[in-house]
């Protein structure tokens, strides 16, 4: 407030009223405009979310592939085990059969020898 310009009572009232209006104007709410930083922050957050989702999806697919590969290896191992067991059974059967054939031949030879001895 410049005192040299104010000379009358009305001028002082007008100056006081203008000062009050200026003080009140400081406390009035202003029109809120979205800040550019807020938009950038939300865009960065959305981009980070996309990256995180992509990483999670990649990890999930890697886990699925690993599980499928493990399941395939388990099936292959089971098939190999079954094949080995079948091979062992076949070998045991062949051995039993060859022993049975050898015993049968020995019995036949014994009968033949007994028949020859009787003559």
N, C-alpha and C. Protein backbone atom coordinates (compact mmCIF):
# COMPACT_ATOMS: atom_id res chain seq x y z
N UNK A 1 0.82 -1.17 0.00
CA UNK A 1 0.00 0.00 0.00
C UNK A 1 0.87 1.24 0.00
N UNK A 2 0.72 1.97 -1.01
CA UNK A 2 1.50 3.20 -1.13
C UNK A 2 0.69 4.33 -0.49
N UNK A 3 1.23 4.94 0.54
CA UNK A 3 0.49 5.96 1.29
C UNK A 3 0.45 7.31 0.57
N UNK A 4 1.30 7.53 -0.36
CA UNK A 4 1.29 8.83 -1.04
C UNK A 4 0.10 8.96 -1.99
N UNK A 5 -0.38 7.84 -2.56
CA UNK A 5 -1.51 7.89 -3.49
C UNK A 5 -2.85 7.98 -2.75
N UNK A 6 -2.92 7.49 -1.51
CA UNK A 6 -4.17 7.46 -0.77
C UNK A 6 -4.32 8.77 0.01
N UNK A 7 -5.36 9.50 -0.33
CA UNK A 7 -5.54 10.77 0.34
C UNK A 7 -6.87 10.86 1.06
N UNK A 8 -7.87 10.19 0.55
CA UNK A 8 -9.18 10.32 1.16
C UNK A 8 -9.57 9.02 1.86
N UNK A 9 -10.66 9.15 2.61
CA UNK A 9 -11.18 8.01 3.36
C UNK A 9 -11.65 6.91 2.42
N UNK A 10 -12.31 7.23 1.39
CA UNK A 10 -12.81 6.25 0.42
C UNK A 10 -11.66 5.55 -0.28
N UNK A 11 -10.60 6.29 -0.54
CA UNK A 11 -9.44 5.64 -1.16
C UNK A 11 -8.84 4.59 -0.22
N UNK A 12 -8.80 4.92 1.07
CA UNK A 12 -8.29 3.95 2.05
C UNK A 12 -9.19 2.74 2.14
N UNK A 13 -10.53 2.92 2.11
CA UNK A 13 -11.46 1.80 2.14
C UNK A 13 -11.29 0.91 0.91
N UNK A 14 -11.15 1.54 -0.24
CA UNK A 14 -10.96 0.78 -1.47
C UNK A 14 -9.65 -0.01 -1.43
N UNK A 15 -8.63 0.60 -0.91
CA UNK A 15 -7.33 -0.05 -0.81
C UNK A 15 -7.40 -1.22 0.17
N UNK A 16 -8.11 -1.04 1.29
CA UNK A 16 -8.26 -2.12 2.27
C UNK A 16 -9.08 -3.26 1.68
N UNK A 17 -10.15 -2.92 0.93
CA UNK A 17 -10.97 -3.95 0.31
C UNK A 17 -10.16 -4.72 -0.75
N UNK A 18 -9.36 -4.04 -1.50
CA UNK A 18 -8.52 -4.70 -2.52
C UNK A 18 -7.50 -5.61 -1.85
N UNK A 19 -6.97 -5.20 -0.72
CA UNK A 19 -6.01 -6.02 0.01
C UNK A 19 -6.69 -7.28 0.54
N UNK A 20 -7.94 -7.12 1.08
CA UNK A 20 -8.68 -8.29 1.56
C UNK A 20 -8.98 -9.26 0.41
N UNK A 21 -9.39 -8.73 -0.74
CA UNK A 21 -9.64 -9.59 -1.88
C UNK A 21 -8.38 -10.33 -2.32
N UNK A 22 -7.26 -9.65 -2.28
CA UNK A 22 -5.99 -10.29 -2.66
C UNK A 22 -5.64 -11.41 -1.68
N UNK A 23 -5.88 -11.19 -0.39
CA UNK A 23 -5.61 -12.21 0.62
C UNK A 23 -6.54 -13.41 0.42
N UNK A 24 -7.84 -13.16 0.14
CA UNK A 24 -8.79 -14.24 -0.07
C UNK A 24 -8.48 -15.01 -1.36
N UNK A 25 -7.97 -14.31 -2.36
CA UNK A 25 -7.67 -14.96 -3.63
C UNK A 25 -6.58 -16.01 -3.46
N UNK A 26 -5.70 -15.81 -2.49
CA UNK A 26 -4.64 -16.80 -2.24
C UNK A 26 -5.23 -18.14 -1.79
N UNK A 27 -6.35 -18.08 -1.04
CA UNK A 27 -6.91 -19.30 -0.46
C UNK A 27 -8.00 -19.94 -1.32
N UNK A 28 -8.42 -19.28 -2.40
CA UNK A 28 -9.44 -19.85 -3.27
C UNK A 28 -8.84 -21.04 -4.04
N UNK A 29 -9.65 -22.07 -4.22
CA UNK A 29 -9.13 -23.22 -4.98
C UNK A 29 -8.96 -22.85 -6.45
N UNK A 30 -7.88 -23.36 -7.03
CA UNK A 30 -7.61 -23.09 -8.43
C UNK A 30 -8.13 -24.26 -9.26
N UNK A 31 -8.28 -24.04 -10.52
CA UNK A 31 -8.72 -25.09 -11.43
C UNK A 31 -7.60 -26.13 -11.50
N UNK A 32 -7.97 -27.37 -11.23
CA UNK A 32 -6.98 -28.44 -11.20
C UNK A 32 -6.75 -28.94 -12.62
N UNK A 33 -5.53 -28.87 -13.06
CA UNK A 33 -5.15 -29.40 -14.37
C UNK A 33 -4.21 -30.57 -14.12
N UNK A 34 -4.41 -31.66 -14.85
CA UNK A 34 -3.52 -32.80 -14.63
C UNK A 34 -2.09 -32.44 -14.98
N UNK A 35 -1.22 -32.80 -14.08
CA UNK A 35 0.19 -32.48 -14.29
C UNK A 35 0.78 -33.46 -15.30
N UNK A 36 1.71 -33.00 -16.07
CA UNK A 36 2.37 -33.85 -17.06
C UNK A 36 3.16 -34.95 -16.38
N UNK A 37 3.69 -34.67 -15.20
CA UNK A 37 4.47 -35.68 -14.46
C UNK A 37 3.56 -36.83 -14.03
N UNK A 38 2.33 -36.54 -13.67
CA UNK A 38 1.40 -37.59 -13.26
C UNK A 38 1.09 -38.51 -14.44
N UNK A 39 0.92 -37.92 -15.60
CA UNK A 39 0.65 -38.72 -16.79
C UNK A 39 1.88 -39.58 -17.11
N UNK A 40 3.03 -38.98 -17.02
CA UNK A 40 4.26 -39.73 -17.29
C UNK A 40 4.43 -40.86 -16.27
N UNK A 41 4.11 -40.58 -15.01
CA UNK A 41 4.24 -41.59 -13.97
C UNK A 41 3.28 -42.75 -14.23
N UNK A 42 2.06 -42.44 -14.61
CA UNK A 42 1.10 -43.52 -14.88
C UNK A 42 1.50 -44.29 -16.13
N UNK A 43 2.05 -43.61 -17.12
CA UNK A 43 2.52 -44.30 -18.32
C UNK A 43 3.70 -45.21 -17.99
N UNK A 44 4.62 -44.69 -17.16
CA UNK A 44 5.76 -45.52 -16.74
C UNK A 44 5.27 -46.73 -15.95
N UNK A 45 4.30 -46.50 -15.09
CA UNK A 45 3.76 -47.60 -14.28
C UNK A 45 3.10 -48.64 -15.18
N UNK A 46 2.34 -48.19 -16.17
CA UNK A 46 1.70 -49.12 -17.09
C UNK A 46 2.74 -49.89 -17.91
N UNK A 47 3.78 -49.20 -18.34
CA UNK A 47 4.84 -49.87 -19.11
C UNK A 47 5.57 -50.89 -18.24
N UNK A 48 5.83 -50.52 -16.99
CA UNK A 48 6.49 -51.46 -16.07
C UNK A 48 5.59 -52.66 -15.82
N UNK A 49 4.30 -52.42 -15.73
CA UNK A 49 3.35 -53.51 -15.52
C UNK A 49 3.34 -54.46 -16.72
N UNK A 50 3.41 -53.90 -17.91
CA UNK A 50 3.48 -54.73 -19.13
C UNK A 50 4.74 -55.58 -19.11
N UNK A 51 5.86 -54.97 -18.71
CA UNK A 51 7.13 -55.71 -18.66
C UNK A 51 7.05 -56.83 -17.63
N UNK A 52 6.51 -56.53 -16.46
CA UNK A 52 6.40 -57.54 -15.40
C UNK A 52 5.48 -58.67 -15.84
N UNK A 53 4.38 -58.33 -16.49
CA UNK A 53 3.47 -59.37 -16.96
C UNK A 53 4.14 -60.25 -18.01
N UNK A 54 4.92 -59.63 -18.90
CA UNK A 54 5.62 -60.41 -19.92
C UNK A 54 6.65 -61.34 -19.27
N UNK A 55 7.36 -60.83 -18.26
CA UNK A 55 8.34 -61.67 -17.56
C UNK A 55 7.64 -62.84 -16.86
N UNK A 56 6.53 -62.56 -16.22
CA UNK A 56 5.79 -63.62 -15.53
C UNK A 56 5.28 -64.66 -16.52
N UNK A 57 4.78 -64.20 -17.66
CA UNK A 57 4.28 -65.12 -18.68
C UNK A 57 5.42 -65.97 -19.23
N UNK A 58 6.58 -65.36 -19.42
CA UNK A 58 7.74 -66.12 -19.91
C UNK A 58 8.17 -67.17 -18.88
N UNK A 59 8.18 -66.78 -17.61
CA UNK A 59 8.56 -67.72 -16.55
C UNK A 59 7.52 -68.84 -16.46
N UNK A 60 6.27 -68.48 -16.61
CA UNK A 60 5.20 -69.48 -16.54
C UNK A 60 5.32 -70.48 -17.70
N UNK A 61 5.58 -69.97 -18.90
CA UNK A 61 5.72 -70.88 -20.04
C UNK A 61 6.97 -71.73 -19.90
N UNK A 62 8.04 -71.16 -19.32
CA UNK A 62 9.25 -71.95 -19.08
C UNK A 62 8.98 -73.07 -18.08
N UNK A 63 8.21 -72.76 -17.04
CA UNK A 63 7.85 -73.80 -16.07
C UNK A 63 7.01 -74.88 -16.72
N UNK A 64 6.06 -74.46 -17.57
CA UNK A 64 5.22 -75.44 -18.27
C UNK A 64 6.06 -76.34 -19.17
N UNK A 65 6.99 -75.73 -19.92
CA UNK A 65 7.85 -76.52 -20.80
C UNK A 65 8.72 -77.47 -20.00
N UNK A 66 9.25 -77.00 -18.87
CA UNK A 66 10.08 -77.85 -18.03
C UNK A 66 9.26 -79.01 -17.47
N UNK A 67 8.04 -78.73 -17.06
CA UNK A 67 7.17 -79.80 -16.54
C UNK A 67 6.84 -80.80 -17.63
N UNK A 68 6.56 -80.31 -18.84
CA UNK A 68 6.25 -81.21 -19.95
C UNK A 68 7.47 -82.06 -20.30
N UNK A 69 8.64 -81.43 -20.29
CA UNK A 69 9.88 -82.16 -20.59
C UNK A 69 10.16 -83.21 -19.52
N UNK A 70 9.93 -82.86 -18.26
CA UNK A 70 10.14 -83.81 -17.17
C UNK A 70 9.16 -84.97 -17.29
N UNK A 71 7.93 -84.67 -17.65
CA UNK A 71 6.92 -85.72 -17.84
C UNK A 71 7.31 -86.63 -19.00
N UNK A 72 7.82 -86.04 -20.07
CA UNK A 72 8.26 -86.83 -21.21
C UNK A 72 9.43 -87.73 -20.83
N UNK A 73 10.38 -87.19 -20.07
CA UNK A 73 11.52 -87.99 -19.61
C UNK A 73 11.05 -89.12 -18.69
N UNK A 74 10.06 -88.83 -17.85
CA UNK A 74 9.53 -89.86 -16.96
C UNK A 74 8.88 -90.98 -17.77
N UNK A 75 8.12 -90.59 -18.81
CA UNK A 75 7.49 -91.61 -19.66
C UNK A 75 8.55 -92.44 -20.39
N UNK A 76 9.58 -91.75 -20.89
CA UNK A 76 10.65 -92.47 -21.59
C UNK A 76 11.38 -93.42 -20.63
N UNK A 77 11.61 -92.96 -19.41
CA UNK A 77 12.28 -93.81 -18.42
C UNK A 77 11.40 -95.01 -18.07
N UNK A 78 10.10 -94.77 -17.94
CA UNK A 78 9.18 -95.88 -17.64
C UNK A 78 9.16 -96.88 -18.79
N UNK A 79 9.15 -96.37 -20.03
CA UNK A 79 9.17 -97.27 -21.18
C UNK A 79 10.48 -98.05 -21.24
N UNK A 80 11.58 -97.38 -20.96
CA UNK A 80 12.88 -98.06 -20.96
C UNK A 80 12.92 -99.12 -19.86
N UNK A 81 12.38 -98.78 -18.70
CA UNK A 81 12.33 -99.73 -17.60
C UNK A 81 11.47 -100.94 -17.96
N UNK A 82 10.33 -100.67 -18.58
CA UNK A 82 9.45 -101.77 -18.99
C UNK A 82 10.13 -102.64 -20.04
N UNK A 83 10.85 -101.99 -20.98
CA UNK A 83 11.55 -102.75 -22.01
C UNK A 83 12.66 -103.59 -21.39
N UNK A 84 13.39 -103.02 -20.42
CA UNK A 84 14.46 -103.77 -19.75
C UNK A 84 13.88 -104.94 -18.97
N UNK A 85 12.74 -104.72 -18.31
CA UNK A 85 12.10 -105.79 -17.54
C UNK A 85 11.63 -106.91 -18.48
N UNK A 86 11.06 -106.52 -19.61
CA UNK A 86 10.62 -107.50 -20.60
C UNK A 86 11.80 -108.27 -21.16
N UNK A 87 12.89 -107.57 -21.40
CA UNK A 87 14.11 -108.23 -21.88
C UNK A 87 14.65 -109.22 -20.86
N UNK A 88 14.60 -108.82 -19.59
CA UNK A 88 15.08 -109.71 -18.53
C UNK A 88 14.18 -110.95 -18.43
N UNK A 89 12.87 -110.74 -18.56
CA UNK A 89 11.94 -111.87 -18.52
C UNK A 89 12.19 -112.82 -19.70
N UNK A 90 12.41 -112.26 -20.87
CA UNK A 90 12.67 -113.08 -22.05
C UNK A 90 13.97 -113.87 -21.89
N UNK A 91 14.99 -113.21 -21.33
CA UNK A 91 16.27 -113.89 -21.13
C UNK A 91 16.11 -115.02 -20.12
N UNK A 92 15.35 -114.77 -19.05
CA UNK A 92 15.13 -115.81 -18.05
C UNK A 92 14.35 -116.97 -18.66
N UNK A 93 13.38 -116.65 -19.49
CA UNK A 93 12.59 -117.71 -20.14
C UNK A 93 13.46 -118.53 -21.09
N UNK A 94 14.33 -117.85 -21.85
CA UNK A 94 15.22 -118.56 -22.76
C UNK A 94 16.16 -119.48 -21.99
N UNK A 95 16.64 -118.95 -20.85
CA UNK A 95 17.55 -119.76 -20.02
C UNK A 95 16.82 -120.99 -19.48
N UNK A 96 15.59 -120.77 -18.98
CA UNK A 96 14.82 -121.91 -18.48
C UNK A 96 14.54 -122.91 -19.59
N UNK A 97 14.21 -122.40 -20.75
CA UNK A 97 13.90 -123.26 -21.88
C UNK A 97 15.13 -124.06 -22.30
N UNK A 98 16.28 -123.39 -22.33
CA UNK A 98 17.50 -124.11 -22.72
C UNK A 98 17.86 -125.16 -21.67
N UNK A 99 17.63 -124.83 -20.37
CA UNK A 99 17.89 -125.82 -19.33
C UNK A 99 16.90 -126.97 -19.46
N UNK A 100 15.66 -126.66 -19.75
CA UNK A 100 14.66 -127.72 -19.92
C UNK A 100 15.03 -128.60 -21.12
N UNK A 101 15.49 -127.98 -22.17
CA UNK A 101 15.89 -128.75 -23.34
C UNK A 101 17.09 -129.62 -23.03
N UNK A 102 18.03 -129.06 -22.26
CA UNK A 102 19.22 -129.84 -21.89
C UNK A 102 18.82 -131.01 -20.99
N UNK A 103 17.91 -130.78 -20.06
CA UNK A 103 17.44 -131.87 -19.18
C UNK A 103 16.70 -132.93 -20.00
N UNK A 104 15.88 -132.48 -20.93
CA UNK A 104 15.14 -133.41 -21.76
C UNK A 104 16.10 -134.25 -22.60
N UNK A 105 17.14 -133.62 -23.12
CA UNK A 105 18.13 -134.34 -23.92
C UNK A 105 18.88 -135.34 -23.04
N UNK A 106 19.19 -134.92 -21.81
CA UNK A 106 19.89 -135.82 -20.91
C UNK A 106 19.01 -137.03 -20.59
N UNK A 107 17.71 -136.83 -20.37
CA UNK A 107 16.79 -137.94 -20.10
C UNK A 107 16.70 -138.87 -21.32
N UNK A 108 16.62 -138.28 -22.49
CA UNK A 108 16.54 -139.06 -23.72
C UNK A 108 17.81 -139.90 -23.91
N UNK A 109 18.95 -139.24 -23.65
CA UNK A 109 20.21 -139.97 -23.80
C UNK A 109 20.29 -141.10 -22.78
N UNK A 110 19.79 -140.86 -21.58
CA UNK A 110 19.81 -141.90 -20.55
C UNK A 110 18.92 -143.06 -20.97
N UNK A 111 17.75 -142.81 -21.50
CA UNK A 111 16.87 -143.87 -21.97
C UNK A 111 17.50 -144.63 -23.14
N UNK A 112 18.11 -143.88 -24.03
CA UNK A 112 18.78 -144.51 -25.16
C UNK A 112 19.92 -145.42 -24.68
N UNK A 113 20.68 -144.91 -23.73
CA UNK A 113 21.78 -145.70 -23.19
C UNK A 113 21.24 -146.94 -22.45
N UNK A 114 20.16 -146.77 -21.73
CA UNK A 114 19.56 -147.89 -21.02
C UNK A 114 19.04 -148.93 -22.01
N UNK A 115 18.45 -148.49 -23.09
CA UNK A 115 17.94 -149.39 -24.10
C UNK A 115 19.10 -150.14 -24.78
N UNK A 116 20.18 -149.44 -25.04
CA UNK A 116 21.36 -150.08 -25.64
C UNK A 116 21.98 -151.08 -24.70
N UNK A 117 21.93 -150.72 -23.38
CA UNK A 117 22.54 -151.61 -22.40
C UNK A 117 21.73 -152.88 -22.27
N UNK A 118 20.45 -152.83 -22.47
CA UNK A 118 19.60 -153.99 -22.36
C UNK A 118 19.80 -154.95 -23.54
N UNK A 119 20.20 -154.52 -24.63
CA UNK A 119 20.38 -155.37 -25.81
C UNK A 119 21.63 -156.11 -25.76
